[in-house]
Amino acid sequence: MIDYAFEAGGFKLGDRVEILTTGQRGILISEIIHISGCNTYQILLPNVLIEGKMKITYRDYLLLRKLEPGESLFDATKELTDDNSFSPKGTDVNAEWIRAAVSENKEFVPEIDDAVGSEEITIRPGMEVWNKVYGKTMIVSYIFRDIFSKELEYGSMYMEDNKEVFVCSRSYALIPLENKLNVPSAEKFGPLFEDGRDNIIFGNKFSHEMFNRY
């Protein structure tokens, strides 16, 4: 059986990364564990704007490189120092210090989410569950966690009118019934040189298009 776990390849949410195939740099803001065992990250690209909004893209962890502490997110030729960058952490940071740093155009370095106190994985992908909200049996196909969120979300699938329907629920909305699918591979894999996942967020987190790729 696959060992489903977050932080694949040593990455944590909040890490600043470079996408090896495109050279784009961004911040990891969520992680998805697919039924195949493939870990995919949602990456915020603050220097790529589409209609005034920061672009969000998805990549497998094998396509990511963690930036060194002195590497800039916006300028590959710039070296970050204490004088040209800032990193507010916790909730007791001085507000005037943050405003001053922003006004001086210092580069923001995000806080790493160490997932302290986060919910443990209690339901594995591939399990058949009873959804207490929808009143249906479903198959769990992915697990999702947002940065700084303590609760996990479980994506489940059921069939209706010969179509796959995906819903997203918390663990306490699900009653495990049995291990329906046995995924034998111990390897993590995914589409390495393809990115067609830029437009998959809508409705309740994700569409079935994401899962057709795994």
N, C-alpha and C. Protein backbone atom coordinates (compact mmCIF):
# COMPACT_ATOMS: atom_id res chain seq x y z
N MET A 1 0.84 -1.20 0.00
CA MET A 1 0.00 0.00 0.00
C MET A 1 0.88 1.25 0.00
N ILE A 2 0.36 2.31 -0.56
CA ILE A 2 1.08 3.56 -0.60
C ILE A 2 1.09 4.22 0.78
N ASP A 3 2.22 4.82 1.13
CA ASP A 3 2.33 5.56 2.37
C ASP A 3 1.95 7.02 2.09
N TYR A 4 0.68 7.35 2.28
CA TYR A 4 0.22 8.70 2.00
C TYR A 4 0.73 9.65 3.07
N ALA A 5 1.42 10.71 2.65
CA ALA A 5 1.98 11.66 3.62
C ALA A 5 2.16 13.02 2.96
N PHE A 6 2.01 14.06 3.77
CA PHE A 6 2.27 15.41 3.30
C PHE A 6 3.77 15.70 3.36
N GLU A 7 4.14 16.86 2.84
CA GLU A 7 5.53 17.33 2.81
C GLU A 7 6.41 16.41 1.98
N ALA A 8 5.92 16.05 0.79
CA ALA A 8 6.69 15.19 -0.11
C ALA A 8 7.99 15.87 -0.52
N GLY A 9 9.05 15.11 -0.56
CA GLY A 9 10.33 15.63 -1.02
C GLY A 9 10.93 16.69 -0.12
N GLY A 10 10.42 16.83 1.10
CA GLY A 10 10.98 17.80 2.02
C GLY A 10 10.41 19.19 1.90
N PHE A 11 9.34 19.38 1.11
CA PHE A 11 8.73 20.70 0.96
C PHE A 11 7.68 20.93 2.05
N LYS A 12 7.58 22.19 2.49
CA LYS A 12 6.55 22.59 3.43
C LYS A 12 5.75 23.75 2.84
N LEU A 13 4.51 23.88 3.26
CA LEU A 13 3.71 25.01 2.80
C LEU A 13 4.35 26.30 3.32
N GLY A 14 4.42 27.29 2.45
CA GLY A 14 5.12 28.53 2.77
C GLY A 14 6.51 28.58 2.16
N ASP A 15 7.03 27.43 1.72
CA ASP A 15 8.34 27.41 1.06
C ASP A 15 8.29 28.23 -0.23
N ARG A 16 9.37 28.94 -0.51
CA ARG A 16 9.53 29.65 -1.78
C ARG A 16 10.24 28.70 -2.73
N VAL A 17 9.71 28.52 -3.91
CA VAL A 17 10.23 27.51 -4.83
C VAL A 17 10.38 28.07 -6.24
N GLU A 18 11.16 27.34 -7.04
CA GLU A 18 11.28 27.62 -8.47
C GLU A 18 10.77 26.40 -9.22
N ILE A 19 9.95 26.65 -10.25
CA ILE A 19 9.47 25.56 -11.10
C ILE A 19 10.55 25.25 -12.12
N LEU A 20 11.06 24.03 -12.11
CA LEU A 20 12.23 23.69 -12.91
C LEU A 20 11.97 23.81 -14.41
N THR A 21 10.74 23.56 -14.84
CA THR A 21 10.46 23.57 -16.28
C THR A 21 10.25 24.98 -16.83
N THR A 22 9.82 25.92 -16.02
CA THR A 22 9.49 27.26 -16.51
C THR A 22 10.37 28.35 -15.92
N GLY A 23 11.02 28.07 -14.79
CA GLY A 23 11.82 29.08 -14.13
C GLY A 23 11.00 30.06 -13.30
N GLN A 24 9.68 29.89 -13.28
CA GLN A 24 8.84 30.76 -12.47
C GLN A 24 9.05 30.47 -10.99
N ARG A 25 8.94 31.52 -10.18
CA ARG A 25 9.14 31.38 -8.74
C ARG A 25 7.86 31.75 -7.99
N GLY A 26 7.59 31.00 -6.94
CA GLY A 26 6.36 31.24 -6.20
C GLY A 26 6.39 30.66 -4.81
N ILE A 27 5.23 30.65 -4.16
CA ILE A 27 5.09 30.22 -2.77
C ILE A 27 4.11 29.05 -2.71
N LEU A 28 4.47 27.98 -2.01
CA LEU A 28 3.58 26.83 -1.85
C LEU A 28 2.46 27.19 -0.87
N ILE A 29 1.21 27.11 -1.34
CA ILE A 29 0.09 27.52 -0.49
C ILE A 29 -0.88 26.38 -0.18
N SER A 30 -0.76 25.25 -0.87
CA SER A 30 -1.58 24.09 -0.51
C SER A 30 -0.94 22.84 -1.08
N GLU A 31 -1.32 21.70 -0.54
CA GLU A 31 -0.77 20.42 -1.00
C GLU A 31 -1.90 19.41 -1.15
N ILE A 32 -1.85 18.66 -2.24
CA ILE A 32 -2.86 17.65 -2.53
C ILE A 32 -2.18 16.29 -2.65
N ILE A 33 -2.69 15.30 -1.91
CA ILE A 33 -2.22 13.92 -2.05
C ILE A 33 -3.27 13.16 -2.85
N HIS A 34 -2.89 12.69 -4.03
CA HIS A 34 -3.82 11.99 -4.91
C HIS A 34 -3.87 10.50 -4.58
N ILE A 35 -4.88 9.85 -5.09
CA ILE A 35 -5.06 8.42 -4.82
C ILE A 35 -3.88 7.61 -5.34
N SER A 36 -3.19 8.12 -6.36
CA SER A 36 -2.03 7.43 -6.92
C SER A 36 -0.82 7.52 -6.00
N GLY A 37 -0.87 8.41 -5.00
CA GLY A 37 0.29 8.66 -4.15
C GLY A 37 1.09 9.85 -4.60
N CYS A 38 0.68 10.49 -5.70
CA CYS A 38 1.37 11.66 -6.22
C CYS A 38 1.02 12.88 -5.38
N ASN A 39 2.04 13.63 -4.96
CA ASN A 39 1.83 14.87 -4.23
C ASN A 39 1.95 16.05 -5.18
N THR A 40 0.92 16.88 -5.24
CA THR A 40 0.90 18.06 -6.08
C THR A 40 0.74 19.29 -5.21
N TYR A 41 1.48 20.35 -5.56
CA TYR A 41 1.40 21.59 -4.80
C TYR A 41 0.68 22.67 -5.60
N GLN A 42 -0.10 23.49 -4.88
CA GLN A 42 -0.67 24.70 -5.45
C GLN A 42 0.34 25.81 -5.16
N ILE A 43 0.72 26.54 -6.22
CA ILE A 43 1.79 27.52 -6.11
C ILE A 43 1.27 28.90 -6.49
N LEU A 44 1.43 29.85 -5.59
CA LEU A 44 1.08 31.23 -5.87
C LEU A 44 2.28 31.90 -6.53
N LEU A 45 2.05 32.50 -7.72
CA LEU A 45 3.11 33.19 -8.45
C LEU A 45 2.88 34.70 -8.32
N PRO A 46 3.47 35.34 -7.30
CA PRO A 46 3.16 36.75 -7.04
C PRO A 46 3.63 37.72 -8.12
N ASN A 47 4.60 37.29 -8.95
CA ASN A 47 5.09 38.18 -10.00
C ASN A 47 4.47 37.87 -11.37
N VAL A 48 3.43 37.02 -11.40
CA VAL A 48 2.70 36.74 -12.63
C VAL A 48 1.25 37.15 -12.42
N LEU A 49 0.85 38.22 -13.07
CA LEU A 49 -0.49 38.76 -12.88
C LEU A 49 -1.36 38.49 -14.10
N ILE A 50 -2.58 38.04 -13.86
CA ILE A 50 -3.58 37.85 -14.91
C ILE A 50 -4.82 38.63 -14.51
N GLU A 51 -5.12 39.65 -15.31
CA GLU A 51 -6.24 40.56 -15.02
C GLU A 51 -6.13 41.11 -13.60
N GLY A 52 -4.93 41.46 -13.21
CA GLY A 52 -4.70 42.08 -11.92
C GLY A 52 -4.61 41.13 -10.75
N LYS A 53 -4.75 39.81 -10.99
CA LYS A 53 -4.70 38.83 -9.92
C LYS A 53 -3.46 37.96 -10.05
N MET A 54 -2.89 37.59 -8.91
CA MET A 54 -1.72 36.72 -8.92
C MET A 54 -2.11 35.34 -9.45
N LYS A 55 -1.29 34.81 -10.32
CA LYS A 55 -1.58 33.52 -10.92
C LYS A 55 -1.31 32.39 -9.92
N ILE A 56 -2.13 31.35 -10.01
CA ILE A 56 -1.94 30.13 -9.23
C ILE A 56 -1.79 28.97 -10.20
N THR A 57 -0.78 28.14 -9.96
CA THR A 57 -0.56 26.99 -10.82
C THR A 57 -0.33 25.75 -9.97
N TYR A 58 -0.23 24.58 -10.62
CA TYR A 58 -0.06 23.31 -9.90
C TYR A 58 1.14 22.56 -10.48
N ARG A 59 1.94 21.96 -9.61
CA ARG A 59 3.08 21.17 -10.06
C ARG A 59 3.31 19.99 -9.11
N ASP A 60 3.81 18.90 -9.66
CA ASP A 60 4.26 17.78 -8.85
C ASP A 60 5.54 18.20 -8.11
N TYR A 61 5.76 17.64 -6.96
CA TYR A 61 6.89 18.06 -6.14
C TYR A 61 8.23 17.79 -6.81
N LEU A 62 8.28 16.82 -7.73
CA LEU A 62 9.53 16.51 -8.42
C LEU A 62 9.98 17.63 -9.35
N LEU A 63 9.07 18.53 -9.69
CA LEU A 63 9.39 19.63 -10.60
C LEU A 63 9.74 20.91 -9.87
N LEU A 64 9.95 20.84 -8.55
CA LEU A 64 10.18 22.04 -7.77
C LEU A 64 11.57 22.05 -7.14
N ARG A 65 12.13 23.24 -7.05
CA ARG A 65 13.39 23.44 -6.34
C ARG A 65 13.16 24.49 -5.26
N LYS A 66 13.53 24.18 -4.03
CA LYS A 66 13.37 25.14 -2.94
C LYS A 66 14.42 26.23 -3.08
N LEU A 67 13.99 27.49 -2.99
CA LEU A 67 14.92 28.60 -3.06
C LEU A 67 15.79 28.66 -1.81
N GLU A 68 17.03 29.08 -2.00
CA GLU A 68 17.92 29.30 -0.86
C GLU A 68 17.47 30.55 -0.10
N PRO A 69 17.83 30.68 1.18
CA PRO A 69 17.39 31.83 1.96
C PRO A 69 17.74 33.18 1.33
N GLY A 70 18.85 33.25 0.62
CA GLY A 70 19.28 34.52 0.04
C GLY A 70 18.76 34.77 -1.36
N GLU A 71 17.97 33.85 -1.92
CA GLU A 71 17.46 34.03 -3.28
C GLU A 71 16.17 34.83 -3.28
N SER A 72 16.07 35.73 -4.24
CA SER A 72 14.88 36.57 -4.37
C SER A 72 13.79 35.85 -5.15
N LEU A 73 12.56 36.12 -4.75
CA LEU A 73 11.41 35.56 -5.44
C LEU A 73 11.14 36.31 -6.75
N PHE A 74 11.52 37.58 -6.78
CA PHE A 74 11.17 38.43 -7.91
C PHE A 74 12.33 38.70 -8.87
N ASP A 75 13.55 38.64 -8.37
CA ASP A 75 14.71 39.02 -9.19
C ASP A 75 15.83 38.03 -8.94
N ALA A 76 16.13 37.20 -9.95
CA ALA A 76 17.14 36.15 -9.79
C ALA A 76 18.54 36.71 -9.57
N THR A 77 18.76 37.98 -9.90
CA THR A 77 20.09 38.58 -9.73
C THR A 77 20.25 39.24 -8.37
N LYS A 78 19.17 39.34 -7.62
CA LYS A 78 19.19 40.04 -6.34
C LYS A 78 19.49 39.06 -5.20
N GLU A 79 20.29 39.51 -4.24
CA GLU A 79 20.57 38.71 -3.05
C GLU A 79 19.85 39.32 -1.85
N LEU A 80 19.07 38.51 -1.17
CA LEU A 80 18.30 39.00 -0.03
C LEU A 80 19.19 39.13 1.21
N THR A 81 19.00 40.24 1.92
CA THR A 81 19.71 40.48 3.17
C THR A 81 18.69 40.95 4.21
N ASP A 82 19.16 41.14 5.43
CA ASP A 82 18.27 41.66 6.47
C ASP A 82 17.80 43.07 6.16
N ASP A 83 18.57 43.79 5.34
CA ASP A 83 18.23 45.18 5.03
C ASP A 83 17.22 45.33 3.91
N ASN A 84 17.12 44.32 3.02
CA ASN A 84 16.20 44.47 1.87
C ASN A 84 15.07 43.45 1.87
N SER A 85 14.88 42.75 2.99
CA SER A 85 13.79 41.78 3.08
C SER A 85 13.21 41.80 4.49
N PHE A 86 12.02 41.24 4.64
CA PHE A 86 11.40 41.14 5.96
C PHE A 86 10.48 39.94 6.00
N SER A 87 10.28 39.41 7.20
CA SER A 87 9.47 38.21 7.37
C SER A 87 8.69 38.28 8.67
N PRO A 88 7.48 38.85 8.65
CA PRO A 88 6.66 38.90 9.87
C PRO A 88 6.21 37.49 10.27
N LYS A 89 6.37 37.14 11.53
CA LYS A 89 5.98 35.81 12.00
C LYS A 89 5.14 35.95 13.26
N GLY A 90 4.17 35.04 13.38
CA GLY A 90 3.31 35.07 14.56
C GLY A 90 2.27 36.17 14.46
N THR A 91 1.65 36.48 15.60
CA THR A 91 0.57 37.48 15.62
C THR A 91 0.93 38.72 16.42
N ASP A 92 2.09 38.73 17.05
CA ASP A 92 2.46 39.86 17.91
C ASP A 92 3.50 40.75 17.26
N VAL A 93 3.53 40.78 15.92
CA VAL A 93 4.51 41.60 15.20
C VAL A 93 4.04 43.06 15.21
N ASN A 94 4.99 43.97 15.33
CA ASN A 94 4.68 45.39 15.34
C ASN A 94 4.14 45.83 13.98
N ALA A 95 2.95 46.40 13.96
CA ALA A 95 2.30 46.79 12.71
C ALA A 95 3.08 47.89 11.99
N GLU A 96 3.66 48.82 12.75
CA GLU A 96 4.41 49.90 12.12
C GLU A 96 5.65 49.38 11.42
N TRP A 97 6.25 48.35 11.97
CA TRP A 97 7.42 47.74 11.33
C TRP A 97 7.05 47.15 9.97
N ILE A 98 5.89 46.50 9.90
CA ILE A 98 5.44 45.93 8.64
C ILE A 98 5.16 47.04 7.62
N ARG A 99 4.46 48.08 8.04
CA ARG A 99 4.14 49.18 7.13
C ARG A 99 5.42 49.85 6.62
N ALA A 100 6.39 50.03 7.49
CA ALA A 100 7.64 50.66 7.09
C ALA A 100 8.38 49.80 6.08
N ALA A 101 8.40 48.48 6.31
CA ALA A 101 9.09 47.57 5.39
C ALA A 101 8.43 47.58 4.02
N VAL A 102 7.10 47.62 3.98
CA VAL A 102 6.38 47.65 2.71
C VAL A 102 6.66 48.96 1.97
N SER A 103 6.66 50.06 2.69
CA SER A 103 6.90 51.36 2.06
C SER A 103 8.30 51.47 1.52
N GLU A 104 9.25 50.71 2.07
CA GLU A 104 10.63 50.71 1.60
C GLU A 104 10.87 49.66 0.52
N ASN A 105 9.78 49.01 0.07
CA ASN A 105 9.86 47.99 -1.00
C ASN A 105 10.78 46.83 -0.63
N LYS A 106 10.79 46.48 0.64
CA LYS A 106 11.54 45.29 1.04
C LYS A 106 10.80 44.04 0.59
N GLU A 107 11.54 43.00 0.25
CA GLU A 107 10.89 41.78 -0.24
C GLU A 107 10.34 40.96 0.92
N PHE A 108 9.11 40.54 0.78
CA PHE A 108 8.44 39.74 1.81
C PHE A 108 8.85 38.27 1.71
N VAL A 109 9.28 37.71 2.83
CA VAL A 109 9.62 36.29 2.91
C VAL A 109 8.57 35.62 3.78
N PRO A 110 7.74 34.72 3.22
CA PRO A 110 6.61 34.16 3.99
C PRO A 110 7.06 33.27 5.14
N GLU A 111 6.18 33.12 6.09
CA GLU A 111 6.41 32.22 7.22
C GLU A 111 6.13 30.79 6.80
N ILE A 112 6.99 29.87 7.20
CA ILE A 112 6.81 28.46 6.88
C ILE A 112 5.75 27.86 7.79
N ASP A 113 4.87 27.05 7.23
CA ASP A 113 3.84 26.36 8.01
C ASP A 113 4.39 25.00 8.43
N ASP A 114 4.73 24.89 9.70
CA ASP A 114 5.27 23.63 10.23
C ASP A 114 4.18 22.63 10.60
N ALA A 115 2.94 22.98 10.33
CA ALA A 115 1.79 22.08 10.53
C ALA A 115 1.67 21.60 11.96
N VAL A 116 2.10 22.41 12.91
CA VAL A 116 1.98 22.05 14.32
C VAL A 116 0.50 22.04 14.70
N GLY A 117 0.05 20.93 15.22
CA GLY A 117 -1.34 20.81 15.64
C GLY A 117 -2.31 20.48 14.53
N SER A 118 -1.80 20.24 13.32
CA SER A 118 -2.69 19.90 12.21
C SER A 118 -3.28 18.50 12.38
N GLU A 119 -4.45 18.34 11.84
CA GLU A 119 -5.14 17.05 11.90
C GLU A 119 -4.33 15.96 11.19
N GLU A 120 -4.29 14.79 11.76
CA GLU A 120 -3.61 13.66 11.12
C GLU A 120 -4.52 13.03 10.08
N ILE A 121 -3.91 12.34 9.11
CA ILE A 121 -4.68 11.64 8.10
C ILE A 121 -5.38 10.45 8.76
N THR A 122 -6.70 10.46 8.73
CA THR A 122 -7.47 9.38 9.35
C THR A 122 -8.21 8.53 8.32
N ILE A 123 -8.36 9.08 7.13
CA ILE A 123 -9.05 8.36 6.05
C ILE A 123 -8.14 8.34 4.83
N ARG A 124 -7.86 7.17 4.32
CA ARG A 124 -6.92 7.05 3.21
C ARG A 124 -7.64 7.14 1.87
N PRO A 125 -6.98 7.72 0.88
CA PRO A 125 -7.53 7.65 -0.48
C PRO A 125 -7.75 6.20 -0.90
N GLY A 126 -8.83 5.95 -1.59
CA GLY A 126 -9.19 4.59 -1.98
C GLY A 126 -10.21 3.96 -1.06
N MET A 127 -10.49 4.60 0.08
CA MET A 127 -11.47 4.04 1.00
C MET A 127 -12.88 4.39 0.58
N GLU A 128 -13.79 3.47 0.81
CA GLU A 128 -15.21 3.75 0.61
C GLU A 128 -15.75 4.36 1.90
N VAL A 129 -16.49 5.46 1.77
CA VAL A 129 -17.00 6.16 2.95
C VAL A 129 -18.48 6.48 2.76
N TRP A 130 -19.14 6.67 3.88
CA TRP A 130 -20.51 7.17 3.87
C TRP A 130 -20.45 8.65 4.21
N ASN A 131 -20.96 9.49 3.28
CA ASN A 131 -20.98 10.93 3.51
C ASN A 131 -22.28 11.31 4.22
N LYS A 132 -22.16 11.77 5.46
CA LYS A 132 -23.34 12.05 6.28
C LYS A 132 -24.13 13.26 5.78
N VAL A 133 -23.48 14.12 4.98
CA VAL A 133 -24.18 15.29 4.44
C VAL A 133 -24.96 14.92 3.19
N TYR A 134 -24.32 14.21 2.28
CA TYR A 134 -24.94 13.87 1.00
C TYR A 134 -25.78 12.60 1.07
N GLY A 135 -25.57 11.79 2.11
CA GLY A 135 -26.33 10.55 2.24
C GLY A 135 -25.99 9.55 1.16
N LYS A 136 -24.70 9.47 0.80
CA LYS A 136 -24.27 8.57 -0.27
C LYS A 136 -22.96 7.91 0.12
N THR A 137 -22.72 6.74 -0.46
CA THR A 137 -21.40 6.13 -0.34
C THR A 137 -20.51 6.71 -1.44
N MET A 138 -19.25 6.95 -1.09
CA MET A 138 -18.31 7.58 -2.02
C MET A 138 -16.94 6.94 -1.87
N ILE A 139 -16.07 7.18 -2.86
CA ILE A 139 -14.69 6.74 -2.82
C ILE A 139 -13.81 7.97 -2.62
N VAL A 140 -12.95 7.95 -1.61
CA VAL A 140 -12.03 9.05 -1.36
C VAL A 140 -10.92 9.02 -2.41
N SER A 141 -10.68 10.16 -3.07
CA SER A 141 -9.70 10.18 -4.16
C SER A 141 -8.53 11.13 -3.90
N TYR A 142 -8.64 12.05 -2.95
CA TYR A 142 -7.51 12.90 -2.62
C TYR A 142 -7.66 13.48 -1.22
N ILE A 143 -6.56 13.99 -0.68
CA ILE A 143 -6.55 14.71 0.59
C ILE A 143 -5.91 16.07 0.32
N PHE A 144 -6.48 17.10 0.93
CA PHE A 144 -6.05 18.47 0.63
C PHE A 144 -5.80 19.23 1.92
N ARG A 145 -4.72 20.06 1.92
CA ARG A 145 -4.47 20.93 3.07
C ARG A 145 -4.03 22.30 2.61
N ASP A 146 -4.67 23.34 3.14
CA ASP A 146 -4.31 24.73 2.88
C ASP A 146 -3.24 25.18 3.87
N ILE A 147 -2.45 26.16 3.46
CA ILE A 147 -1.44 26.71 4.36
C ILE A 147 -2.10 27.33 5.59
N PHE A 148 -1.53 27.04 6.75
CA PHE A 148 -1.97 27.51 8.07
C PHE A 148 -3.35 26.97 8.47
N SER A 149 -3.88 26.01 7.72
CA SER A 149 -5.13 25.38 8.11
C SER A 149 -4.82 24.14 8.95
N LYS A 150 -5.57 23.94 10.01
CA LYS A 150 -5.34 22.79 10.88
C LYS A 150 -6.16 21.57 10.48
N GLU A 151 -7.19 21.78 9.64
CA GLU A 151 -8.06 20.68 9.24
C GLU A 151 -7.77 20.24 7.80
N LEU A 152 -7.87 18.95 7.57
CA LEU A 152 -7.71 18.41 6.23
C LEU A 152 -9.06 18.35 5.54
N GLU A 153 -9.02 18.34 4.23
CA GLU A 153 -10.23 18.16 3.44
C GLU A 153 -10.05 16.91 2.59
N TYR A 154 -11.13 16.13 2.47
CA TYR A 154 -11.11 14.88 1.73
C TYR A 154 -12.01 14.99 0.50
N GLY A 155 -11.41 14.76 -0.66
CA GLY A 155 -12.18 14.77 -1.89
C GLY A 155 -12.72 13.38 -2.17
N SER A 156 -14.02 13.29 -2.39
CA SER A 156 -14.66 11.99 -2.62
C SER A 156 -15.46 12.02 -3.91
N MET A 157 -15.62 10.85 -4.50
CA MET A 157 -16.31 10.73 -5.78
C MET A 157 -17.47 9.75 -5.67
N TYR A 158 -18.58 10.10 -6.33
CA TYR A 158 -19.67 9.15 -6.48
C TYR A 158 -20.23 9.29 -7.89
N MET A 159 -21.00 8.29 -8.32
CA MET A 159 -21.54 8.27 -9.68
C MET A 159 -23.01 8.69 -9.65
N GLU A 160 -23.37 9.54 -10.60
CA GLU A 160 -24.77 9.95 -10.75
C GLU A 160 -25.04 10.20 -12.22
N ASP A 161 -26.05 9.50 -12.77
CA ASP A 161 -26.38 9.60 -14.20
C ASP A 161 -25.16 9.28 -15.06
N ASN A 162 -24.42 8.25 -14.64
CA ASN A 162 -23.23 7.80 -15.36
C ASN A 162 -22.13 8.86 -15.44
N LYS A 163 -22.13 9.79 -14.49
CA LYS A 163 -21.10 10.82 -14.44
C LYS A 163 -20.44 10.82 -13.07
N GLU A 164 -19.12 11.14 -13.04
CA GLU A 164 -18.41 11.26 -11.79
C GLU A 164 -18.69 12.63 -11.16
N VAL A 165 -19.07 12.61 -9.90
CA VAL A 165 -19.32 13.85 -9.16
C VAL A 165 -18.35 13.90 -7.98
N PHE A 166 -17.62 15.02 -7.85
CA PHE A 166 -16.65 15.16 -6.77
C PHE A 166 -17.13 16.17 -5.75
N VAL A 167 -16.98 15.83 -4.47
CA VAL A 167 -17.31 16.75 -3.39
C VAL A 167 -16.16 16.77 -2.39
N CYS A 168 -16.08 17.83 -1.62
CA CYS A 168 -15.00 18.00 -0.66
C CYS A 168 -15.60 18.08 0.74
N SER A 169 -15.09 17.26 1.68
CA SER A 169 -15.68 17.20 3.03
C SER A 169 -14.59 17.09 4.09
N ARG A 170 -14.93 17.47 5.30
CA ARG A 170 -14.06 17.26 6.46
C ARG A 170 -14.20 15.80 6.92
N SER A 171 -13.24 15.35 7.70
CA SER A 171 -13.23 13.95 8.12
C SER A 171 -14.46 13.60 8.95
N TYR A 172 -14.95 14.57 9.75
CA TYR A 172 -16.07 14.26 10.63
C TYR A 172 -17.39 14.15 9.87
N ALA A 173 -17.38 14.43 8.56
CA ALA A 173 -18.59 14.21 7.75
C ALA A 173 -18.57 12.83 7.09
N LEU A 174 -17.50 12.07 7.31
CA LEU A 174 -17.33 10.79 6.62
C LEU A 174 -17.24 9.63 7.60
N ILE A 175 -17.88 8.52 7.25
CA ILE A 175 -17.79 7.29 8.03
C ILE A 175 -17.11 6.24 7.15
N PRO A 176 -15.90 5.82 7.50
CA PRO A 176 -15.21 4.81 6.69
C PRO A 176 -15.99 3.49 6.68
N LEU A 177 -16.13 2.88 5.50
CA LEU A 177 -16.84 1.60 5.37
C LEU A 177 -15.88 0.45 5.12
N GLU A 178 -15.02 0.61 4.10
CA GLU A 178 -14.03 -0.44 3.84
C GLU A 178 -12.98 0.11 2.90
N ASN A 179 -11.85 -0.62 2.81
CA ASN A 179 -10.80 -0.25 1.88
C ASN A 179 -11.18 -0.77 0.51
N LYS A 180 -11.71 0.11 -0.32
CA LYS A 180 -12.30 -0.31 -1.59
C LYS A 180 -11.26 -0.55 -2.67
N LEU A 181 -10.26 0.34 -2.74
CA LEU A 181 -9.25 0.24 -3.80
C LEU A 181 -7.89 -0.02 -3.18
N ASN A 182 -7.19 -1.00 -3.69
CA ASN A 182 -5.85 -1.32 -3.22
C ASN A 182 -4.86 -0.82 -4.26
N VAL A 183 -4.14 0.26 -3.93
CA VAL A 183 -3.16 0.82 -4.86
C VAL A 183 -1.81 0.22 -4.52
N PRO A 184 -1.27 -0.70 -5.33
CA PRO A 184 -0.10 -1.46 -4.94
C PRO A 184 1.22 -0.72 -5.07
N SER A 185 1.30 0.29 -5.95
CA SER A 185 2.59 0.93 -6.22
C SER A 185 3.06 1.73 -5.02
N ALA A 186 4.36 1.67 -4.75
CA ALA A 186 4.94 2.45 -3.66
C ALA A 186 5.60 3.72 -4.17
N GLU A 187 5.54 3.95 -5.48
CA GLU A 187 6.20 5.11 -6.08
C GLU A 187 5.23 6.28 -6.19
N LYS A 188 5.78 7.49 -6.11
CA LYS A 188 5.00 8.69 -6.35
C LYS A 188 5.25 9.10 -7.80
N PHE A 189 4.19 9.38 -8.51
CA PHE A 189 4.37 9.74 -9.91
C PHE A 189 3.29 10.71 -10.33
N GLY A 190 3.49 11.29 -11.50
CA GLY A 190 2.52 12.25 -12.02
C GLY A 190 3.01 12.79 -13.34
N PRO A 191 2.25 13.65 -14.00
CA PRO A 191 2.66 14.20 -15.29
C PRO A 191 3.82 15.17 -15.10
N LEU A 192 5.00 14.82 -15.58
CA LEU A 192 6.20 15.60 -15.29
C LEU A 192 6.37 16.81 -16.20
N PHE A 193 5.94 16.72 -17.44
CA PHE A 193 6.22 17.80 -18.38
C PHE A 193 4.95 18.41 -18.96
N GLU A 194 3.90 18.38 -18.20
CA GLU A 194 2.63 18.90 -18.68
C GLU A 194 1.99 19.72 -17.57
N ASP A 195 1.41 20.85 -17.95
CA ASP A 195 0.69 21.63 -16.96
C ASP A 195 -0.61 22.10 -17.56
N GLY A 196 -1.64 21.31 -17.38
CA GLY A 196 -2.95 21.70 -17.85
C GLY A 196 -3.87 21.94 -16.68
N ARG A 197 -3.28 22.28 -15.53
CA ARG A 197 -4.07 22.32 -14.31
C ARG A 197 -4.29 23.73 -13.80
N ASP A 198 -4.09 24.72 -14.66
CA ASP A 198 -4.22 26.10 -14.21
C ASP A 198 -5.66 26.51 -13.97
N ASN A 199 -6.61 25.81 -14.57
CA ASN A 199 -7.99 26.28 -14.53
C ASN A 199 -8.92 25.27 -13.86
N ILE A 200 -8.39 24.52 -12.88
CA ILE A 200 -9.21 23.45 -12.34
C ILE A 200 -9.94 23.83 -11.05
N ILE A 201 -9.66 25.01 -10.48
CA ILE A 201 -10.35 25.39 -9.24
C ILE A 201 -11.68 26.05 -9.58
N PHE A 202 -12.74 25.42 -9.15
CA PHE A 202 -14.05 26.04 -9.20
C PHE A 202 -14.98 25.19 -8.39
N GLY A 203 -16.11 25.74 -8.04
CA GLY A 203 -17.05 24.98 -7.22
C GLY A 203 -16.44 24.68 -5.88
N ASN A 204 -16.47 23.42 -5.50
CA ASN A 204 -15.98 23.01 -4.19
C ASN A 204 -14.56 22.50 -4.30
N LYS A 205 -13.63 23.41 -4.52
CA LYS A 205 -12.19 23.19 -4.59
C LYS A 205 -11.71 22.72 -5.95
N PHE A 206 -12.16 21.53 -6.42
CA PHE A 206 -11.56 20.98 -7.62
C PHE A 206 -12.61 20.35 -8.53
N SER A 207 -12.28 20.27 -9.81
CA SER A 207 -13.13 19.56 -10.75
C SER A 207 -12.55 18.18 -11.01
N HIS A 208 -13.34 17.34 -11.67
CA HIS A 208 -12.87 15.98 -11.94
C HIS A 208 -11.73 15.99 -12.94
N GLU A 209 -11.47 17.11 -13.63
CA GLU A 209 -10.40 17.15 -14.62
C GLU A 209 -9.06 16.86 -13.98
N MET A 210 -8.87 17.32 -12.72
CA MET A 210 -7.61 17.07 -12.04
C MET A 210 -7.36 15.57 -11.89
N PHE A 211 -8.41 14.84 -11.52
CA PHE A 211 -8.22 13.44 -11.15
C PHE A 211 -8.11 12.54 -12.37
N ASN A 212 -8.57 12.99 -13.52
CA ASN A 212 -8.40 12.21 -14.73
C ASN A 212 -6.95 12.10 -15.13
N ARG A 213 -6.08 12.93 -14.51
CA ARG A 213 -4.68 12.91 -14.85
C ARG A 213 -3.89 11.95 -13.97
N TYR A 214 -4.52 11.33 -13.01
CA TYR A 214 -3.77 10.47 -12.09
C TYR A 214 -4.37 9.08 -12.05
